[in-house]
Amino acid sequence: MKKGIHPDNYRLVAFKDMSNDDVFITKSTVQAKEKIEVDGVEYPLIKLEISRTSHPYYTGKTKLVDTAGRIDKFKSKYAKFKK
């Protein structure tokens, strides 16, 4: 890897999923305005709307879309234009 292009200010940061209150800690250079205490240690806090613990792809709770019904509705709507 090239030297001198990577930031030197990596530190532990807490990321909190606001949809389910899951908190995970990882190294990051992101700037945070808030702090949170986890297991007696204070970390900078970054709030997330969605993370791996709430995203439908990772949780397996995906919603199925009724594409067959949409296609049938489209065909019946535009069937009158066929010659």
PDB file of N, CA and C in Angstrom:
ATOM      1  N   MET A   1       0.835  -1.180   0.000  1.00  0.00           N
ATOM      2  CA  MET A   1       0.000   0.000   0.000  1.00  0.00           C
ATOM      3  C   MET A   1       0.878   1.240   0.000  1.00  0.00           C
ATOM      4  N   LYS A   2       0.355   2.325  -0.538  1.00  0.00           N
ATOM      5  CA  LYS A   2       1.096   3.582  -0.566  1.00  0.00           C
ATOM      6  C   LYS A   2       1.205   4.155   0.837  1.00  0.00           C
ATOM      7  N   LYS A   3       2.332   4.747   1.136  1.00  0.00           N
ATOM      8  CA  LYS A   3       2.552   5.345   2.444  1.00  0.00           C
ATOM      9  C   LYS A   3       2.101   6.797   2.425  1.00  0.00           C
ATOM     10  N   GLY A   4       1.577   7.254   3.563  1.00  0.00           N
ATOM     11  CA  GLY A   4       1.220   8.659   3.718  1.00  0.00           C
ATOM     12  C   GLY A   4      -0.144   9.057   3.179  1.00  0.00           C
ATOM     13  N   ILE A   5      -0.941   8.100   2.690  1.00  0.00           N
ATOM     14  CA  ILE A   5      -2.257   8.480   2.165  1.00  0.00           C
ATOM     15  C   ILE A   5      -3.401   8.055   3.087  1.00  0.00           C
ATOM     16  N   HIS A   6      -3.128   7.248   4.092  1.00  0.00           N
ATOM     17  CA  HIS A   6      -4.161   6.778   5.006  1.00  0.00           C
ATOM     18  C   HIS A   6      -4.171   7.629   6.270  1.00  0.00           C
ATOM     19  N   PRO A   7      -5.353   7.932   6.811  1.00  0.00           N
ATOM     20  CA  PRO A   7      -5.419   8.761   8.020  1.00  0.00           C
ATOM     21  C   PRO A   7      -4.793   8.059   9.220  1.00  0.00           C
ATOM     22  N   ASP A   8      -4.256   8.869  10.122  1.00  0.00           N
ATOM     23  CA  ASP A   8      -3.612   8.334  11.320  1.00  0.00           C
ATOM     24  C   ASP A   8      -4.523   8.390  12.544  1.00  0.00           C
ATOM     25  N   ASN A   9      -5.689   9.008  12.411  1.00  0.00           N
ATOM     26  CA  ASN A   9      -6.532   9.254  13.587  1.00  0.00           C
ATOM     27  C   ASN A   9      -7.642   8.213  13.768  1.00  0.00           C
ATOM     28  N   TYR A  10      -7.351   6.936  13.530  1.00  0.00           N
ATOM     29  CA  TYR A  10      -8.329   5.888  13.787  1.00  0.00           C
ATOM     30  C   TYR A  10      -8.506   5.749  15.287  1.00  0.00           C
ATOM     31  N   ARG A  11      -9.758   5.573  15.714  1.00  0.00           N
ATOM     32  CA  ARG A  11     -10.049   5.358  17.133  1.00  0.00           C
ATOM     33  C   ARG A  11     -11.322   4.524  17.209  1.00  0.00           C
ATOM     34  N   LEU A  12     -11.603   3.980  18.368  1.00  0.00           N
ATOM     35  CA  LEU A  12     -12.826   3.201  18.544  1.00  0.00           C
ATOM     36  C   LEU A  12     -14.026   4.129  18.597  1.00  0.00           C
ATOM     37  N   VAL A  13     -15.059   3.793  17.827  1.00  0.00           N
ATOM     38  CA  VAL A  13     -16.281   4.588  17.743  1.00  0.00           C
ATOM     39  C   VAL A  13     -17.469   3.647  17.891  1.00  0.00           C
ATOM     40  N   ALA A  14     -18.501   4.093  18.609  1.00  0.00           N
ATOM     41  CA  ALA A  14     -19.722   3.310  18.769  1.00  0.00           C
ATOM     42  C   ALA A  14     -20.737   3.757  17.724  1.00  0.00           C
ATOM     43  N   PHE A  15     -21.304   2.793  17.008  1.00  0.00           N
ATOM     44  CA  PHE A  15     -22.358   3.037  16.031  1.00  0.00           C
ATOM     45  C   PHE A  15     -23.644   2.443  16.599  1.00  0.00           C
ATOM     46  N   LYS A  16     -24.710   3.249  16.648  1.00  0.00           N
ATOM     47  CA  LYS A  16     -25.972   2.804  17.232  1.00  0.00           C
ATOM     48  C   LYS A  16     -27.069   2.811  16.180  1.00  0.00           C
ATOM     49  N   ASP A  17     -27.686   1.639  15.987  1.00  0.00           N
ATOM     50  CA  ASP A  17     -28.821   1.504  15.078  1.00  0.00           C
ATOM     51  C   ASP A  17     -30.046   2.012  15.830  1.00  0.00           C
ATOM     52  N   MET A  18     -30.636   3.106  15.361  1.00  0.00           N
ATOM     53  CA  MET A  18     -31.744   3.728  16.067  1.00  0.00           C
ATOM     54  C   MET A  18     -33.050   2.949  15.925  1.00  0.00           C
ATOM     55  N   SER A  19     -33.147   2.047  14.968  1.00  0.00           N
ATOM     56  CA  SER A  19     -34.379   1.292  14.790  1.00  0.00           C
ATOM     57  C   SER A  19     -34.514   0.147  15.794  1.00  0.00           C
ATOM     58  N   ASN A  20     -33.388  -0.361  16.294  1.00  0.00           N
ATOM     59  CA  ASN A  20     -33.474  -1.462  17.261  1.00  0.00           C
ATOM     60  C   ASN A  20     -32.497  -1.316  18.433  1.00  0.00           C
ATOM     61  N   ASP A  21     -31.860  -0.165  18.547  1.00  0.00           N
ATOM     62  CA  ASP A  21     -30.946   0.158  19.657  1.00  0.00           C
ATOM     63  C   ASP A  21     -29.732  -0.760  19.763  1.00  0.00           C
ATOM     64  N   ASP A  22     -29.349  -1.414  18.684  1.00  0.00           N
ATOM     65  CA  ASP A  22     -28.140  -2.232  18.667  1.00  0.00           C
ATOM     66  C   ASP A  22     -26.919  -1.304  18.581  1.00  0.00           C
ATOM     67  N   VAL A  23     -25.905  -1.580  19.383  1.00  0.00           N
ATOM     68  CA  VAL A  23     -24.674  -0.786  19.392  1.00  0.00           C
ATOM     69  C   VAL A  23     -23.514  -1.705  19.055  1.00  0.00           C
ATOM     70  N   PHE A  24     -22.685  -1.279  18.098  1.00  0.00           N
ATOM     71  CA  PHE A  24     -21.457  -2.021  17.824  1.00  0.00           C
ATOM     72  C   PHE A  24     -20.305  -1.034  17.764  1.00  0.00           C
ATOM     73  N   ILE A  25     -19.138  -1.521  18.129  1.00  0.00           N
ATOM     74  CA  ILE A  25     -17.952  -0.678  18.242  1.00  0.00           C
ATOM     75  C   ILE A  25     -16.924  -1.141  17.225  1.00  0.00           C
ATOM     76  N   THR A  26     -16.374  -0.183  16.494  1.00  0.00           N
ATOM     77  CA  THR A  26     -15.350  -0.477  15.501  1.00  0.00           C
ATOM     78  C   THR A  26     -14.439   0.737  15.367  1.00  0.00           C
ATOM     79  N   LYS A  27     -13.323   0.564  14.692  1.00  0.00           N
ATOM     80  CA  LYS A  27     -12.414   1.685  14.474  1.00  0.00           C
ATOM     81  C   LYS A  27     -12.903   2.537  13.319  1.00  0.00           C
ATOM     82  N   SER A  28     -12.782   3.856  13.472  1.00  0.00           N
ATOM     83  CA  SER A  28     -13.236   4.774  12.448  1.00  0.00           C
ATOM     84  C   SER A  28     -12.548   6.121  12.627  1.00  0.00           C
ATOM     85  N   THR A  29     -12.595   6.942  11.579  1.00  0.00           N
ATOM     86  CA  THR A  29     -12.075   8.312  11.650  1.00  0.00           C
ATOM     87  C   THR A  29     -13.200   9.331  11.623  1.00  0.00           C
ATOM     88  N   VAL A  30     -14.445   8.877  11.633  1.00  0.00           N
ATOM     89  CA  VAL A  30     -15.603   9.764  11.535  1.00  0.00           C
ATOM     90  C   VAL A  30     -15.668  10.702  12.750  1.00  0.00           C
ATOM     91  N   GLN A  31     -16.106  11.936  12.504  1.00  0.00           N
ATOM     92  CA  GLN A  31     -16.241  12.915  13.578  1.00  0.00           C
ATOM     93  C   GLN A  31     -17.610  12.770  14.228  1.00  0.00           C
ATOM     94  N   ALA A  32     -17.657  12.767  15.554  1.00  0.00           N
ATOM     95  CA  ALA A  32     -18.903  12.588  16.283  1.00  0.00           C
ATOM     96  C   ALA A  32     -19.113  13.736  17.259  1.00  0.00           C
ATOM     97  N   LYS A  33     -20.368  14.158  17.397  1.00  0.00           N
ATOM     98  CA  LYS A  33     -20.714  15.230  18.327  1.00  0.00           C
ATOM     99  C   LYS A  33     -21.202  14.692  19.663  1.00  0.00           C
ATOM    100  N   GLU A  34     -21.690  13.454  19.667  1.00  0.00           N
ATOM    101  CA  GLU A  34     -22.234  12.865  20.880  1.00  0.00           C
ATOM    102  C   GLU A  34     -21.330  11.739  21.377  1.00  0.00           C
ATOM    103  N   LYS A  35     -21.553  11.354  22.635  1.00  0.00           N
ATOM    104  CA  LYS A  35     -20.798  10.256  23.231  1.00  0.00           C
ATOM    105  C   LYS A  35     -21.772   9.294  23.886  1.00  0.00           C
ATOM    106  N   ILE A  36     -21.320   8.046  24.039  1.00  0.00           N
ATOM    107  CA  ILE A  36     -22.118   7.012  24.697  1.00  0.00           C
ATOM    108  C   ILE A  36     -21.187   6.175  25.561  1.00  0.00           C
ATOM    109  N   GLU A  37     -21.729   5.681  26.680  1.00  0.00           N
ATOM    110  CA  GLU A  37     -20.936   4.820  27.551  1.00  0.00           C
ATOM    111  C   GLU A  37     -21.368   3.376  27.334  1.00  0.00           C
ATOM    112  N   VAL A  38     -20.403   2.522  27.004  1.00  0.00           N
ATOM    113  CA  VAL A  38     -20.650   1.101  26.783  1.00  0.00           C
ATOM    114  C   VAL A  38     -19.681   0.329  27.662  1.00  0.00           C
ATOM    115  N   ASP A  39     -20.221  -0.483  28.550  1.00  0.00           N
ATOM    116  CA  ASP A  39     -19.417  -1.291  29.476  1.00  0.00           C
ATOM    117  C   ASP A  39     -18.431  -0.442  30.263  1.00  0.00           C
ATOM    118  N   GLY A  40     -18.856   0.741  30.680  1.00  0.00           N
ATOM    119  CA  GLY A  40     -18.029   1.600  31.506  1.00  0.00           C
ATOM    120  C   GLY A  40     -16.989   2.427  30.756  1.00  0.00           C
ATOM    121  N   VAL A  41     -16.973   2.333  29.432  1.00  0.00           N
ATOM    122  CA  VAL A  41     -16.024   3.084  28.614  1.00  0.00           C
ATOM    123  C   VAL A  41     -16.815   4.051  27.733  1.00  0.00           C
ATOM    124  N   GLU A  42     -16.368   5.297  27.622  1.00  0.00           N
ATOM    125  CA  GLU A  42     -17.048   6.302  26.813  1.00  0.00           C
ATOM    126  C   GLU A  42     -16.475   6.327  25.396  1.00  0.00           C
ATOM    127  N   TYR A  43     -17.372   6.278  24.412  1.00  0.00           N
ATOM    128  CA  TYR A  43     -16.987   6.277  23.002  1.00  0.00           C
ATOM    129  C   TYR A  43     -17.714   7.398  22.268  1.00  0.00           C
ATOM    130  N   PRO A  44     -17.132   7.922  21.191  1.00  0.00           N
ATOM    131  CA  PRO A  44     -17.887   8.821  20.313  1.00  0.00           C
ATOM    132  C   PRO A  44     -19.049   8.034  19.709  1.00  0.00           C
ATOM    133  N   LEU A  45     -20.214   8.689  19.521  1.00  0.00           N
ATOM    134  CA  LEU A  45     -21.416   8.009  19.051  1.00  0.00           C
ATOM    135  C   LEU A  45     -21.831   8.504  17.676  1.00  0.00           C
ATOM    136  N   ILE A  46     -22.094   7.543  16.780  1.00  0.00           N
ATOM    137  CA  ILE A  46     -22.649   7.822  15.463  1.00  0.00           C
ATOM    138  C   ILE A  46     -23.977   7.073  15.386  1.00  0.00           C
ATOM    139  N   LYS A  47     -25.054   7.798  15.075  1.00  0.00           N
ATOM    140  CA  LYS A  47     -26.384   7.197  14.983  1.00  0.00           C
ATOM    141  C   LYS A  47     -26.666   6.783  13.545  1.00  0.00           C
ATOM    142  N   LEU A  48     -27.186   5.555  13.391  1.00  0.00           N
ATOM    143  CA  LEU A  48     -27.513   5.002  12.081  1.00  0.00           C
ATOM    144  C   LEU A  48     -29.012   4.747  11.986  1.00  0.00           C
ATOM    145  N   GLU A  49     -29.562   4.879  10.788  1.00  0.00           N
ATOM    146  CA  GLU A  49     -30.968   4.548  10.578  1.00  0.00           C
ATOM    147  C   GLU A  49     -31.150   3.052  10.348  1.00  0.00           C
ATOM    148  N   ILE A  50     -30.147   2.425   9.766  1.00  0.00           N
ATOM    149  CA  ILE A  50     -30.239   1.003   9.446  1.00  0.00           C
ATOM    150  C   ILE A  50     -28.837   0.395   9.511  1.00  0.00           C
ATOM    151  N   SER A  51     -28.743  -0.823   9.973  1.00  0.00           N
ATOM    152  CA  SER A  51     -27.451  -1.516  10.050  1.00  0.00           C
ATOM    153  C   SER A  51     -27.670  -2.986   9.724  1.00  0.00           C
ATOM    154  N   ARG A  52     -26.653  -3.772   9.939  1.00  0.00           N
ATOM    155  CA  ARG A  52     -26.746  -5.194   9.614  1.00  0.00           C
ATOM    156  C   ARG A  52     -27.767  -5.913  10.492  1.00  0.00           C
ATOM    157  N   THR A  53     -28.105  -5.365  11.647  1.00  0.00           N
ATOM    158  CA  THR A  53     -29.065  -6.020  12.534  1.00  0.00           C
ATOM    159  C   THR A  53     -30.510  -5.649  12.228  1.00  0.00           C
ATOM    160  N   SER A  54     -30.727  -4.667  11.341  1.00  0.00           N
ATOM    161  CA  SER A  54     -32.101  -4.290  11.014  1.00  0.00           C
ATOM    162  C   SER A  54     -32.385  -4.296   9.510  1.00  0.00           C
ATOM    163  N   HIS A  55     -31.372  -4.478   8.681  1.00  0.00           N
ATOM    164  CA  HIS A  55     -31.569  -4.470   7.235  1.00  0.00           C
ATOM    165  C   HIS A  55     -32.244  -5.771   6.791  1.00  0.00           C
ATOM    166  N   PRO A  56     -33.299  -5.689   5.980  1.00  0.00           N
ATOM    167  CA  PRO A  56     -34.028  -6.894   5.573  1.00  0.00           C
ATOM    168  C   PRO A  56     -33.164  -7.948   4.882  1.00  0.00           C
ATOM    169  N   TYR A  57     -32.146  -7.545   4.149  1.00  0.00           N
ATOM    170  CA  TYR A  57     -31.295  -8.513   3.464  1.00  0.00           C
ATOM    171  C   TYR A  57     -30.565  -9.403   4.471  1.00  0.00           C
ATOM    172  N   TYR A  58     -30.064  -8.813   5.553  1.00  0.00           N
ATOM    173  CA  TYR A  58     -29.299  -9.572   6.536  1.00  0.00           C
ATOM    174  C   TYR A  58     -30.183 -10.293   7.545  1.00  0.00           C
ATOM    175  N   THR A  59     -31.361  -9.761   7.814  1.00  0.00           N
ATOM    176  CA  THR A  59     -32.237 -10.387   8.802  1.00  0.00           C
ATOM    177  C   THR A  59     -33.111 -11.480   8.201  1.00  0.00           C
ATOM    178  N   GLY A  60     -33.255 -11.492   6.867  1.00  0.00           N
ATOM    179  CA  GLY A  60     -34.081 -12.492   6.207  1.00  0.00           C
ATOM    180  C   GLY A  60     -35.556 -12.161   6.224  1.00  0.00           C
ATOM    181  N   LYS A  61     -35.911 -10.966   6.646  1.00  0.00           N
ATOM    182  CA  LYS A  61     -37.312 -10.556   6.712  1.00  0.00           C
ATOM    183  C   LYS A  61     -37.651  -9.665   5.522  1.00  0.00           C
ATOM    184  N   THR A  62     -37.462 -10.196   4.334  1.00  0.00           N
ATOM    185  CA  THR A  62     -37.742  -9.416   3.134  1.00  0.00           C
ATOM    186  C   THR A  62     -39.223  -9.484   2.803  1.00  0.00           C
ATOM    187  N   LYS A  63     -39.706  -8.462   2.137  1.00  0.00           N
ATOM    188  CA  LYS A  63     -41.102  -8.417   1.729  1.00  0.00           C
ATOM    189  C   LYS A  63     -41.190  -8.837   0.266  1.00  0.00           C
ATOM    190  N   LEU A  64     -42.108  -9.741  -0.008  1.00  0.00           N
ATOM    191  CA  LEU A  64     -42.317 -10.182  -1.377  1.00  0.00           C
ATOM    192  C   LEU A  64     -43.286  -9.235  -2.064  1.00  0.00           C
ATOM    193  N   VAL A  65     -42.962  -8.852  -3.273  1.00  0.00           N
ATOM    194  CA  VAL A  65     -43.800  -7.954  -4.046  1.00  0.00           C
ATOM    195  C   VAL A  65     -44.634  -8.784  -5.011  1.00  0.00           C
ATOM    196  N   ASP A  66     -45.902  -8.484  -5.101  1.00  0.00           N
ATOM    197  CA  ASP A  66     -46.819  -9.211  -5.987  1.00  0.00           C
ATOM    198  C   ASP A  66     -46.645  -8.702  -7.411  1.00  0.00           C
ATOM    199  N   THR A  67     -45.590  -9.166  -8.076  1.00  0.00           N
ATOM    200  CA  THR A  67     -45.334  -8.707  -9.438  1.00  0.00           C
ATOM    201  C   THR A  67     -46.335  -9.304 -10.421  1.00  0.00           C
ATOM    202  N   ALA A  68     -46.824 -10.510 -10.147  1.00  0.00           N
ATOM    203  CA  ALA A  68     -47.800 -11.133 -11.061  1.00  0.00           C
ATOM    204  C   ALA A  68     -49.066 -10.297 -11.099  1.00  0.00           C
ATOM    205  N   GLY A  69     -49.526  -9.823  -9.977  1.00  0.00           N
ATOM    206  CA  GLY A  69     -50.718  -8.991  -9.941  1.00  0.00           C
ATOM    207  C   GLY A  69     -50.524  -7.682 -10.675  1.00  0.00           C
ATOM    208  N   ARG A  70     -49.360  -7.113 -10.599  1.00  0.00           N
ATOM    209  CA  ARG A  70     -49.070  -5.859 -11.297  1.00  0.00           C
ATOM    210  C   ARG A  70     -49.049  -6.062 -12.805  1.00  0.00           C
ATOM    211  N   ILE A  71     -48.469  -7.167 -13.231  1.00  0.00           N
ATOM    212  CA  ILE A  71     -48.389  -7.458 -14.668  1.00  0.00           C
ATOM    213  C   ILE A  71     -49.781  -7.699 -15.229  1.00  0.00           C
ATOM    214  N   ASP A  72     -50.599  -8.487 -14.518  1.00  0.00           N
ATOM    215  CA  ASP A  72     -51.970  -8.746 -14.976  1.00  0.00           C
ATOM    216  C   ASP A  72     -52.777  -7.456 -15.043  1.00  0.00           C
ATOM    217  N   LYS A  73     -52.614  -6.601 -14.080  1.00  0.00           N
ATOM    218  CA  LYS A  73     -53.327  -5.323 -14.070  1.00  0.00           C
ATOM    219  C   LYS A  73     -52.902  -4.472 -15.272  1.00  0.00           C
ATOM    220  N   PHE A  74     -51.604  -4.464 -15.559  1.00  0.00           N
ATOM    221  CA  PHE A  74     -51.102  -3.698 -16.709  1.00  0.00           C
ATOM    222  C   PHE A  74     -51.667  -4.248 -18.013  1.00  0.00           C
ATOM    223  N   LYS A  75     -51.649  -5.560 -18.167  1.00  0.00           N
ATOM    224  CA  LYS A  75     -52.143  -6.188 -19.399  1.00  0.00           C
ATOM    225  C   LYS A  75     -53.626  -5.915 -19.601  1.00  0.00           C
ATOM    226  N   SER A  76     -54.423  -6.021 -18.535  1.00  0.00           N
ATOM    227  CA  SER A  76     -55.855  -5.779 -18.680  1.00  0.00           C
ATOM    228  C   SER A  76     -56.145  -4.307 -18.960  1.00  0.00           C
ATOM    229  N   LYS A  77     -55.355  -3.426 -18.430  1.00  0.00           N
ATOM    230  CA  LYS A  77     -55.555  -1.987 -18.631  1.00  0.00           C
ATOM    231  C   LYS A  77     -55.283  -1.599 -20.091  1.00  0.00           C
ATOM    232  N   TYR A  78     -54.247  -2.176 -20.684  1.00  0.00           N
ATOM    233  CA  TYR A  78     -53.843  -1.781 -22.040  1.00  0.00           C
ATOM    234  C   TYR A  78     -54.266  -2.793 -23.108  1.00  0.00           C
ATOM    235  N   ALA A  79     -55.086  -3.783 -22.753  1.00  0.00           N
ATOM    236  CA  ALA A  79     -55.568  -4.765 -23.717  1.00  0.00           C
ATOM    237  C   ALA A  79     -56.462  -4.121 -24.765  1.00  0.00           C
ATOM    238  N   LYS A  80     -57.172  -3.057 -24.407  1.00  0.00           N
ATOM    239  CA  LYS A  80     -58.080  -2.397 -25.333  1.00  0.00           C
ATOM    240  C   LYS A  80     -57.358  -1.692 -26.478  1.00  0.00           C
ATOM    241  N   PHE A  81     -56.050  -1.454 -26.327  1.00  0.00           N
ATOM    242  CA  PHE A  81     -55.290  -0.769 -27.378  1.00  0.00           C
ATOM    243  C   PHE A  81     -54.730  -1.723 -28.426  1.00  0.00           C
ATOM    244  N   LYS A  82     -54.849  -3.029 -28.184  1.00  0.00           N
ATOM    245  CA  LYS A  82     -54.369  -4.012 -29.163  1.00  0.00           C
ATOM    246  C   LYS A  82     -55.266  -3.977 -30.400  1.00  0.00           C
ATOM    247  N   LYS A  83     -54.697  -4.202 -31.529  1.00  0.00           N
ATOM    248  CA  LYS A  83     -55.489  -4.221 -32.766  1.00  0.00           C
ATOM    249  C   LYS A  83     -55.616  -5.597 -33.316  1.00  0.00           C
TER     250      LYS A  83
END
